[in-house]
Amino acid sequence: MLVPKRTKFRKMQKGNNRGIASRGSDVSFGDFAMQAVEPGRLTARQIEAARMAITRHVKRQGKLWIRIFPHRPVTKKPLEVRMGGGKGGVEEWAADILPGRVMYEISGVDEKTAREAFRLAGHKIPVGYKFLVRGVAGVVAGLASTTGKASS
């Protein structure tokens, strides 16, 4: 499970998740990429589930890069506890995702295999995505929302 080694503070405020990704929006390492087209929050479990789906489909061929990391602690109060008494304990870790952010990259496989692997991974994550090919420009501003389905 992806968890930070150490943090400056144990808990964080919720904040807001607006705008588009200014960094991490290009295909940098692999030949194909999975780019978010809507804002959201991916937990460490969802990131790992998508990674496993991709790895299983490509049968451990090629190389996979995970371009996101769950830095944000998500807190939760125990069940059946009255209001007050402070903020709850850290329940899980999550990554805030903005539209345009590249989440996964892969190389060493053909385009058809990469598309299918990302389609399977798309069912594991709560944000829509777009399939990117290295060298082909992806327009971030005009992204269409596709929850769980790839847009080309």
N, C-alpha and C. Protein backbone atom coordinates (compact mmCIF):
# COMPACT_ATOMS: atom_id res chain seq x y z
N MET A 1 0.85 -1.18 0.00
CA MET A 1 0.00 0.00 0.00
C MET A 1 0.89 1.24 0.00
N LEU A 2 0.50 2.24 -0.77
CA LEU A 2 1.26 3.48 -0.85
C LEU A 2 0.91 4.39 0.32
N VAL A 3 1.92 4.71 1.12
CA VAL A 3 1.77 5.59 2.28
C VAL A 3 3.05 6.41 2.41
N PRO A 4 2.95 7.71 2.71
CA PRO A 4 4.17 8.50 2.90
C PRO A 4 5.01 7.97 4.06
N LYS A 5 6.33 8.04 3.92
CA LYS A 5 7.22 7.58 5.00
C LYS A 5 7.06 8.44 6.24
N ARG A 6 7.01 9.75 6.05
CA ARG A 6 6.80 10.65 7.17
C ARG A 6 6.13 11.91 6.65
N THR A 7 5.39 12.58 7.53
CA THR A 7 4.72 13.82 7.15
C THR A 7 5.01 14.88 8.21
N LYS A 8 4.87 16.13 7.82
CA LYS A 8 5.10 17.22 8.76
C LYS A 8 3.96 17.29 9.77
N PHE A 9 2.72 17.08 9.29
CA PHE A 9 1.55 17.09 10.16
C PHE A 9 0.74 15.83 9.93
N ARG A 10 0.08 15.35 10.99
CA ARG A 10 -0.70 14.11 10.89
C ARG A 10 -1.97 14.26 10.08
N LYS A 11 -2.65 15.40 10.24
CA LYS A 11 -3.95 15.59 9.61
C LYS A 11 -3.95 16.83 8.74
N MET A 12 -4.82 16.83 7.71
CA MET A 12 -4.92 17.96 6.80
C MET A 12 -6.37 18.40 6.68
N GLN A 13 -6.56 19.67 6.31
CA GLN A 13 -7.91 20.13 5.99
C GLN A 13 -8.29 19.62 4.61
N LYS A 14 -9.60 19.58 4.37
CA LYS A 14 -10.11 19.02 3.12
C LYS A 14 -9.66 19.80 1.90
N GLY A 15 -9.74 21.13 1.94
CA GLY A 15 -9.34 21.94 0.80
C GLY A 15 -10.33 21.81 -0.35
N ASN A 16 -10.00 22.40 -1.50
CA ASN A 16 -10.84 22.23 -2.67
C ASN A 16 -10.01 21.73 -3.84
N ASN A 17 -10.68 21.12 -4.78
CA ASN A 17 -10.02 20.43 -5.88
C ASN A 17 -10.50 21.06 -7.19
N ARG A 18 -9.99 22.27 -7.50
CA ARG A 18 -10.46 23.00 -8.67
C ARG A 18 -9.33 23.23 -9.66
N GLY A 19 -9.72 23.58 -10.89
CA GLY A 19 -8.75 23.93 -11.91
C GLY A 19 -8.28 22.72 -12.70
N ILE A 20 -7.23 22.92 -13.49
CA ILE A 20 -6.65 21.82 -14.25
C ILE A 20 -5.19 21.65 -13.84
N ALA A 21 -4.65 20.48 -14.09
CA ALA A 21 -3.28 20.17 -13.67
C ALA A 21 -2.29 21.03 -14.46
N SER A 22 -1.41 21.71 -13.73
CA SER A 22 -0.38 22.51 -14.39
C SER A 22 0.90 21.72 -14.57
N ARG A 23 1.07 20.69 -13.76
CA ARG A 23 2.24 19.83 -13.88
C ARG A 23 1.79 18.38 -13.96
N GLY A 24 2.64 17.53 -14.50
CA GLY A 24 2.32 16.11 -14.56
C GLY A 24 1.26 15.78 -15.59
N SER A 25 1.18 16.58 -16.68
CA SER A 25 0.14 16.36 -17.67
C SER A 25 0.69 15.84 -19.00
N ASP A 26 1.99 15.59 -19.08
CA ASP A 26 2.60 15.09 -20.31
C ASP A 26 3.04 13.64 -20.15
N VAL A 27 3.15 12.94 -21.28
CA VAL A 27 3.67 11.57 -21.27
C VAL A 27 5.19 11.70 -21.18
N SER A 28 5.76 11.37 -20.02
CA SER A 28 7.18 11.61 -19.78
C SER A 28 8.04 10.36 -19.84
N PHE A 29 7.50 9.23 -19.42
CA PHE A 29 8.32 8.02 -19.27
C PHE A 29 7.97 6.93 -20.28
N GLY A 30 6.70 6.62 -20.42
CA GLY A 30 6.28 5.51 -21.27
C GLY A 30 5.86 5.95 -22.66
N ASP A 31 5.25 5.00 -23.40
CA ASP A 31 4.75 5.27 -24.74
C ASP A 31 3.26 5.63 -24.72
N PHE A 32 2.53 5.12 -23.74
CA PHE A 32 1.10 5.36 -23.62
C PHE A 32 0.79 5.80 -22.19
N ALA A 33 -0.26 6.61 -22.05
CA ALA A 33 -0.58 7.12 -20.71
C ALA A 33 -2.09 7.16 -20.50
N MET A 34 -2.45 7.18 -19.21
CA MET A 34 -3.84 7.28 -18.77
C MET A 34 -3.97 8.64 -18.08
N GLN A 35 -4.75 9.56 -18.68
CA GLN A 35 -4.85 10.93 -18.18
C GLN A 35 -6.25 11.20 -17.65
N ALA A 36 -6.34 11.78 -16.47
CA ALA A 36 -7.63 12.10 -15.87
C ALA A 36 -8.31 13.22 -16.66
N VAL A 37 -9.64 13.12 -16.81
CA VAL A 37 -10.40 14.17 -17.49
C VAL A 37 -11.37 14.87 -16.55
N GLU A 38 -11.41 14.45 -15.30
CA GLU A 38 -12.28 15.11 -14.31
C GLU A 38 -11.58 15.09 -12.96
N PRO A 39 -11.94 16.03 -12.07
CA PRO A 39 -11.29 16.06 -10.76
C PRO A 39 -11.80 14.94 -9.87
N GLY A 40 -10.98 14.55 -8.92
CA GLY A 40 -11.40 13.51 -7.98
C GLY A 40 -10.31 13.21 -6.98
N ARG A 41 -10.55 12.18 -6.20
CA ARG A 41 -9.61 11.77 -5.17
C ARG A 41 -9.46 10.26 -5.25
N LEU A 42 -8.23 9.79 -5.46
CA LEU A 42 -7.96 8.36 -5.53
C LEU A 42 -7.30 7.91 -4.24
N THR A 43 -7.84 6.87 -3.63
CA THR A 43 -7.25 6.34 -2.42
C THR A 43 -6.08 5.43 -2.79
N ALA A 44 -5.25 5.11 -1.82
CA ALA A 44 -4.11 4.23 -2.05
C ALA A 44 -4.60 2.86 -2.54
N ARG A 45 -5.73 2.40 -2.03
CA ARG A 45 -6.29 1.11 -2.46
C ARG A 45 -6.71 1.14 -3.92
N GLN A 46 -7.32 2.24 -4.35
CA GLN A 46 -7.74 2.35 -5.74
C GLN A 46 -6.55 2.42 -6.68
N ILE A 47 -5.51 3.14 -6.28
CA ILE A 47 -4.29 3.22 -7.08
C ILE A 47 -3.68 1.84 -7.25
N GLU A 48 -3.65 1.09 -6.16
CA GLU A 48 -3.08 -0.27 -6.18
C GLU A 48 -3.96 -1.22 -7.00
N ALA A 49 -5.28 -1.11 -6.88
CA ALA A 49 -6.19 -1.98 -7.63
C ALA A 49 -6.03 -1.75 -9.13
N ALA A 50 -5.90 -0.49 -9.54
CA ALA A 50 -5.71 -0.18 -10.96
C ALA A 50 -4.36 -0.71 -11.43
N ARG A 51 -3.33 -0.57 -10.60
CA ARG A 51 -2.01 -1.09 -10.96
C ARG A 51 -2.06 -2.60 -11.18
N MET A 52 -2.75 -3.30 -10.29
CA MET A 52 -2.86 -4.76 -10.42
C MET A 52 -3.63 -5.15 -11.68
N ALA A 53 -4.68 -4.41 -12.01
CA ALA A 53 -5.46 -4.70 -13.22
C ALA A 53 -4.60 -4.54 -14.47
N ILE A 54 -3.80 -3.48 -14.52
CA ILE A 54 -2.91 -3.24 -15.67
C ILE A 54 -1.87 -4.35 -15.75
N THR A 55 -1.23 -4.65 -14.62
CA THR A 55 -0.16 -5.66 -14.58
C THR A 55 -0.67 -7.03 -15.00
N ARG A 56 -1.87 -7.38 -14.54
CA ARG A 56 -2.44 -8.68 -14.90
C ARG A 56 -2.71 -8.78 -16.39
N HIS A 57 -3.23 -7.69 -16.97
CA HIS A 57 -3.58 -7.76 -18.39
C HIS A 57 -2.35 -7.84 -19.28
N VAL A 58 -1.30 -7.10 -18.95
CA VAL A 58 -0.10 -7.12 -19.80
C VAL A 58 0.80 -8.31 -19.46
N LYS A 59 0.37 -9.12 -18.51
CA LYS A 59 1.10 -10.34 -18.11
C LYS A 59 2.56 -10.04 -17.80
N ARG A 60 2.77 -8.94 -17.05
CA ARG A 60 4.08 -8.53 -16.57
C ARG A 60 5.06 -8.21 -17.69
N GLN A 61 4.54 -7.90 -18.87
CA GLN A 61 5.39 -7.43 -19.97
C GLN A 61 5.49 -5.92 -19.86
N GLY A 62 6.51 -5.35 -20.47
CA GLY A 62 6.64 -3.90 -20.48
C GLY A 62 6.96 -3.33 -19.12
N LYS A 63 6.86 -2.00 -19.03
CA LYS A 63 7.15 -1.30 -17.78
C LYS A 63 6.02 -0.33 -17.49
N LEU A 64 5.63 -0.27 -16.21
CA LEU A 64 4.54 0.59 -15.78
C LEU A 64 5.06 1.65 -14.82
N TRP A 65 4.63 2.90 -15.02
CA TRP A 65 4.96 3.99 -14.11
C TRP A 65 3.68 4.50 -13.48
N ILE A 66 3.69 4.63 -12.15
CA ILE A 66 2.57 5.23 -11.43
C ILE A 66 2.98 6.68 -11.17
N ARG A 67 2.26 7.63 -11.77
CA ARG A 67 2.65 9.04 -11.71
C ARG A 67 1.95 9.81 -10.59
N ILE A 68 1.17 9.13 -9.77
CA ILE A 68 0.48 9.80 -8.67
C ILE A 68 0.85 9.12 -7.36
N PHE A 69 0.75 9.87 -6.27
CA PHE A 69 1.08 9.30 -4.96
C PHE A 69 0.09 9.86 -3.94
N PRO A 70 -0.41 9.02 -3.03
CA PRO A 70 -1.37 9.48 -2.02
C PRO A 70 -0.70 10.22 -0.87
N HIS A 71 -0.58 11.55 -0.99
CA HIS A 71 0.05 12.37 0.04
C HIS A 71 -0.94 12.85 1.09
N ARG A 72 -2.23 12.83 0.78
CA ARG A 72 -3.24 13.48 1.63
C ARG A 72 -3.87 12.48 2.60
N PRO A 73 -3.78 12.74 3.91
CA PRO A 73 -4.46 11.87 4.88
C PRO A 73 -5.96 12.17 4.89
N VAL A 74 -6.77 11.12 4.92
CA VAL A 74 -8.22 11.27 5.00
C VAL A 74 -8.65 10.74 6.36
N THR A 75 -9.31 11.59 7.15
CA THR A 75 -9.69 11.20 8.50
C THR A 75 -11.15 10.78 8.55
N LYS A 76 -11.49 10.01 9.60
CA LYS A 76 -12.86 9.55 9.77
C LYS A 76 -13.09 9.29 11.25
N LYS A 77 -14.23 9.75 11.74
CA LYS A 77 -14.58 9.47 13.13
C LYS A 77 -15.17 8.07 13.22
N PRO A 78 -15.05 7.40 14.35
CA PRO A 78 -15.63 6.06 14.49
C PRO A 78 -17.15 6.08 14.33
N LEU A 79 -17.72 4.93 14.05
CA LEU A 79 -19.18 4.82 13.92
C LEU A 79 -19.85 5.08 15.26
N GLU A 80 -21.04 5.66 15.19
CA GLU A 80 -21.89 5.89 16.36
C GLU A 80 -21.21 6.74 17.44
N VAL A 81 -20.48 7.75 16.99
CA VAL A 81 -19.83 8.68 17.92
C VAL A 81 -20.51 10.03 17.74
N ARG A 82 -20.84 10.69 18.85
CA ARG A 82 -21.52 11.97 18.78
C ARG A 82 -20.62 13.06 18.22
N MET A 83 -21.25 14.13 17.77
CA MET A 83 -20.50 15.25 17.21
C MET A 83 -19.59 15.87 18.27
N GLY A 84 -18.50 16.47 17.81
CA GLY A 84 -17.54 17.07 18.73
C GLY A 84 -16.45 16.09 19.08
N GLY A 85 -15.63 16.47 20.02
CA GLY A 85 -14.55 15.57 20.44
C GLY A 85 -13.37 15.59 19.51
N GLY A 86 -13.32 16.58 18.63
CA GLY A 86 -12.15 16.71 17.77
C GLY A 86 -12.26 15.95 16.46
N LYS A 87 -11.24 16.13 15.65
CA LYS A 87 -11.19 15.50 14.34
C LYS A 87 -10.86 14.02 14.50
N GLY A 88 -11.39 13.19 13.63
CA GLY A 88 -11.16 11.75 13.70
C GLY A 88 -9.74 11.37 13.34
N GLY A 89 -9.43 10.11 13.50
CA GLY A 89 -8.10 9.60 13.18
C GLY A 89 -7.93 9.39 11.68
N VAL A 90 -6.68 9.25 11.24
CA VAL A 90 -6.40 9.04 9.82
C VAL A 90 -6.87 7.64 9.44
N GLU A 91 -7.78 7.59 8.47
CA GLU A 91 -8.38 6.33 8.02
C GLU A 91 -7.65 5.78 6.80
N GLU A 92 -7.29 6.67 5.86
CA GLU A 92 -6.64 6.23 4.63
C GLU A 92 -5.85 7.40 4.03
N TRP A 93 -5.11 7.10 2.99
CA TRP A 93 -4.33 8.11 2.29
C TRP A 93 -4.87 8.23 0.87
N ALA A 94 -4.90 9.45 0.35
CA ALA A 94 -5.48 9.68 -0.96
C ALA A 94 -4.64 10.67 -1.77
N ALA A 95 -4.83 10.62 -3.09
CA ALA A 95 -4.17 11.55 -4.01
C ALA A 95 -5.25 12.41 -4.64
N ASP A 96 -5.09 13.73 -4.59
CA ASP A 96 -6.02 14.62 -5.27
C ASP A 96 -5.67 14.65 -6.75
N ILE A 97 -6.67 14.45 -7.60
CA ILE A 97 -6.46 14.39 -9.04
C ILE A 97 -7.18 15.56 -9.70
N LEU A 98 -6.47 16.29 -10.55
CA LEU A 98 -7.07 17.36 -11.33
C LEU A 98 -7.17 16.92 -12.79
N PRO A 99 -8.10 17.48 -13.56
CA PRO A 99 -8.17 17.13 -14.98
C PRO A 99 -6.85 17.43 -15.68
N GLY A 100 -6.40 16.51 -16.51
CA GLY A 100 -5.14 16.67 -17.22
C GLY A 100 -3.98 15.94 -16.58
N ARG A 101 -4.16 15.45 -15.37
CA ARG A 101 -3.07 14.76 -14.66
C ARG A 101 -2.87 13.36 -15.23
N VAL A 102 -1.62 13.02 -15.58
CA VAL A 102 -1.30 11.67 -16.03
C VAL A 102 -1.16 10.78 -14.81
N MET A 103 -1.94 9.70 -14.77
CA MET A 103 -1.96 8.82 -13.61
C MET A 103 -1.03 7.61 -13.78
N TYR A 104 -1.08 7.00 -14.97
CA TYR A 104 -0.26 5.81 -15.25
C TYR A 104 0.35 5.95 -16.63
N GLU A 105 1.56 5.40 -16.78
CA GLU A 105 2.21 5.33 -18.09
C GLU A 105 2.73 3.91 -18.28
N ILE A 106 2.77 3.48 -19.53
CA ILE A 106 3.24 2.12 -19.82
C ILE A 106 4.05 2.14 -21.12
N SER A 107 5.05 1.27 -21.18
CA SER A 107 5.82 1.10 -22.41
C SER A 107 6.15 -0.38 -22.56
N GLY A 108 6.59 -0.77 -23.75
CA GLY A 108 6.97 -2.15 -23.98
C GLY A 108 5.82 -3.04 -24.39
N VAL A 109 4.64 -2.46 -24.63
CA VAL A 109 3.48 -3.23 -25.11
C VAL A 109 2.89 -2.48 -26.30
N ASP A 110 2.09 -3.18 -27.12
CA ASP A 110 1.47 -2.52 -28.26
C ASP A 110 0.26 -1.68 -27.82
N GLU A 111 -0.22 -0.83 -28.71
CA GLU A 111 -1.28 0.12 -28.36
C GLU A 111 -2.58 -0.58 -27.97
N LYS A 112 -2.91 -1.66 -28.66
CA LYS A 112 -4.16 -2.38 -28.37
C LYS A 112 -4.14 -2.94 -26.94
N THR A 113 -3.02 -3.52 -26.56
CA THR A 113 -2.87 -4.08 -25.21
C THR A 113 -2.93 -2.97 -24.16
N ALA A 114 -2.26 -1.86 -24.43
CA ALA A 114 -2.26 -0.74 -23.49
C ALA A 114 -3.66 -0.16 -23.31
N ARG A 115 -4.41 -0.02 -24.41
CA ARG A 115 -5.79 0.50 -24.33
C ARG A 115 -6.66 -0.40 -23.47
N GLU A 116 -6.55 -1.71 -23.69
CA GLU A 116 -7.37 -2.65 -22.91
C GLU A 116 -6.96 -2.66 -21.44
N ALA A 117 -5.66 -2.58 -21.17
CA ALA A 117 -5.18 -2.55 -19.79
C ALA A 117 -5.70 -1.31 -19.06
N PHE A 118 -5.65 -0.16 -19.73
CA PHE A 118 -6.16 1.07 -19.12
C PHE A 118 -7.68 1.04 -18.98
N ARG A 119 -8.38 0.37 -19.91
CA ARG A 119 -9.83 0.24 -19.79
C ARG A 119 -10.19 -0.56 -18.54
N LEU A 120 -9.47 -1.64 -18.30
CA LEU A 120 -9.70 -2.46 -17.10
C LEU A 120 -9.38 -1.66 -15.84
N ALA A 121 -8.30 -0.89 -15.88
CA ALA A 121 -7.93 -0.06 -14.73
C ALA A 121 -8.95 1.04 -14.50
N GLY A 122 -9.56 1.53 -15.57
CA GLY A 122 -10.55 2.60 -15.47
C GLY A 122 -11.76 2.21 -14.65
N HIS A 123 -12.07 0.92 -14.62
CA HIS A 123 -13.20 0.44 -13.81
C HIS A 123 -12.88 0.45 -12.32
N LYS A 124 -11.61 0.58 -11.98
CA LYS A 124 -11.19 0.56 -10.57
C LYS A 124 -11.07 1.95 -9.96
N ILE A 125 -11.14 2.98 -10.78
CA ILE A 125 -10.93 4.34 -10.27
C ILE A 125 -12.17 5.20 -10.49
N PRO A 126 -12.39 6.20 -9.62
CA PRO A 126 -13.62 6.99 -9.67
C PRO A 126 -13.57 8.23 -10.57
N VAL A 127 -12.56 8.36 -11.41
CA VAL A 127 -12.49 9.51 -12.32
C VAL A 127 -12.43 9.01 -13.76
N GLY A 128 -12.97 9.82 -14.67
CA GLY A 128 -12.88 9.49 -16.08
C GLY A 128 -11.45 9.68 -16.57
N TYR A 129 -11.11 9.05 -17.68
CA TYR A 129 -9.75 9.15 -18.17
C TYR A 129 -9.73 9.24 -19.68
N LYS A 130 -8.54 9.57 -20.19
CA LYS A 130 -8.31 9.67 -21.62
C LYS A 130 -7.03 8.91 -21.93
N PHE A 131 -7.00 8.21 -23.05
CA PHE A 131 -5.82 7.46 -23.47
C PHE A 131 -4.91 8.39 -24.27
N LEU A 132 -3.64 8.48 -23.87
CA LEU A 132 -2.68 9.33 -24.56
C LEU A 132 -1.58 8.49 -25.19
N VAL A 133 -1.08 8.97 -26.33
CA VAL A 133 0.05 8.34 -27.01
C VAL A 133 1.19 9.34 -27.00
N ARG A 134 2.40 8.87 -26.73
CA ARG A 134 3.57 9.76 -26.67
C ARG A 134 3.75 10.46 -28.02
N GLY A 135 4.00 11.75 -27.97
CA GLY A 135 4.24 12.51 -29.19
C GLY A 135 2.99 13.10 -29.81
N VAL A 136 1.81 12.60 -29.43
CA VAL A 136 0.56 13.15 -29.93
C VAL A 136 0.02 14.09 -28.86
N ALA A 137 -0.19 15.36 -29.22
CA ALA A 137 -0.60 16.37 -28.24
C ALA A 137 -1.99 16.06 -27.70
N GLY A 138 -2.14 16.13 -26.37
CA GLY A 138 -3.44 15.96 -25.72
C GLY A 138 -3.92 17.31 -25.24
N VAL A 139 -5.11 17.73 -25.67
CA VAL A 139 -5.65 19.02 -25.29
C VAL A 139 -6.33 18.88 -23.94
N VAL A 140 -5.84 19.65 -22.94
CA VAL A 140 -6.36 19.54 -21.58
C VAL A 140 -7.65 20.34 -21.43
N ALA A 141 -7.74 21.51 -22.07
CA ALA A 141 -8.89 22.39 -21.86
C ALA A 141 -10.19 21.79 -22.39
N GLY A 142 -10.14 21.05 -23.47
CA GLY A 142 -11.37 20.53 -24.06
C GLY A 142 -11.61 19.07 -23.76
N LEU A 143 -11.28 18.62 -22.56
CA LEU A 143 -11.45 17.22 -22.21
C LEU A 143 -12.91 16.90 -21.99
N ALA A 144 -13.37 15.82 -22.58
CA ALA A 144 -14.75 15.37 -22.38
C ALA A 144 -14.78 14.41 -21.21
N SER A 145 -15.82 14.48 -20.41
CA SER A 145 -15.95 13.62 -19.24
C SER A 145 -16.36 12.22 -19.65
N THR A 146 -15.57 11.24 -19.25
CA THR A 146 -15.90 9.85 -19.54
C THR A 146 -15.61 9.03 -18.31
N THR A 147 -16.59 8.84 -17.49
CA THR A 147 -16.40 8.10 -16.25
C THR A 147 -16.23 6.62 -16.57
N GLY A 148 -15.04 6.09 -16.28
CA GLY A 148 -14.79 4.66 -16.45
C GLY A 148 -14.61 4.21 -17.88
N LYS A 149 -14.72 5.11 -18.85
CA LYS A 149 -14.56 4.71 -20.24
C LYS A 149 -13.51 5.60 -20.89
N ALA A 150 -12.77 5.04 -21.82
CA ALA A 150 -11.70 5.80 -22.47
C ALA A 150 -12.26 6.67 -23.57
N SER A 151 -11.68 7.84 -23.74
CA SER A 151 -11.98 8.68 -24.90
C SER A 151 -10.70 8.81 -25.70
N SER A 152 -10.82 8.85 -27.00
CA SER A 152 -9.62 8.91 -27.83
C SER A 152 -9.46 10.25 -28.48
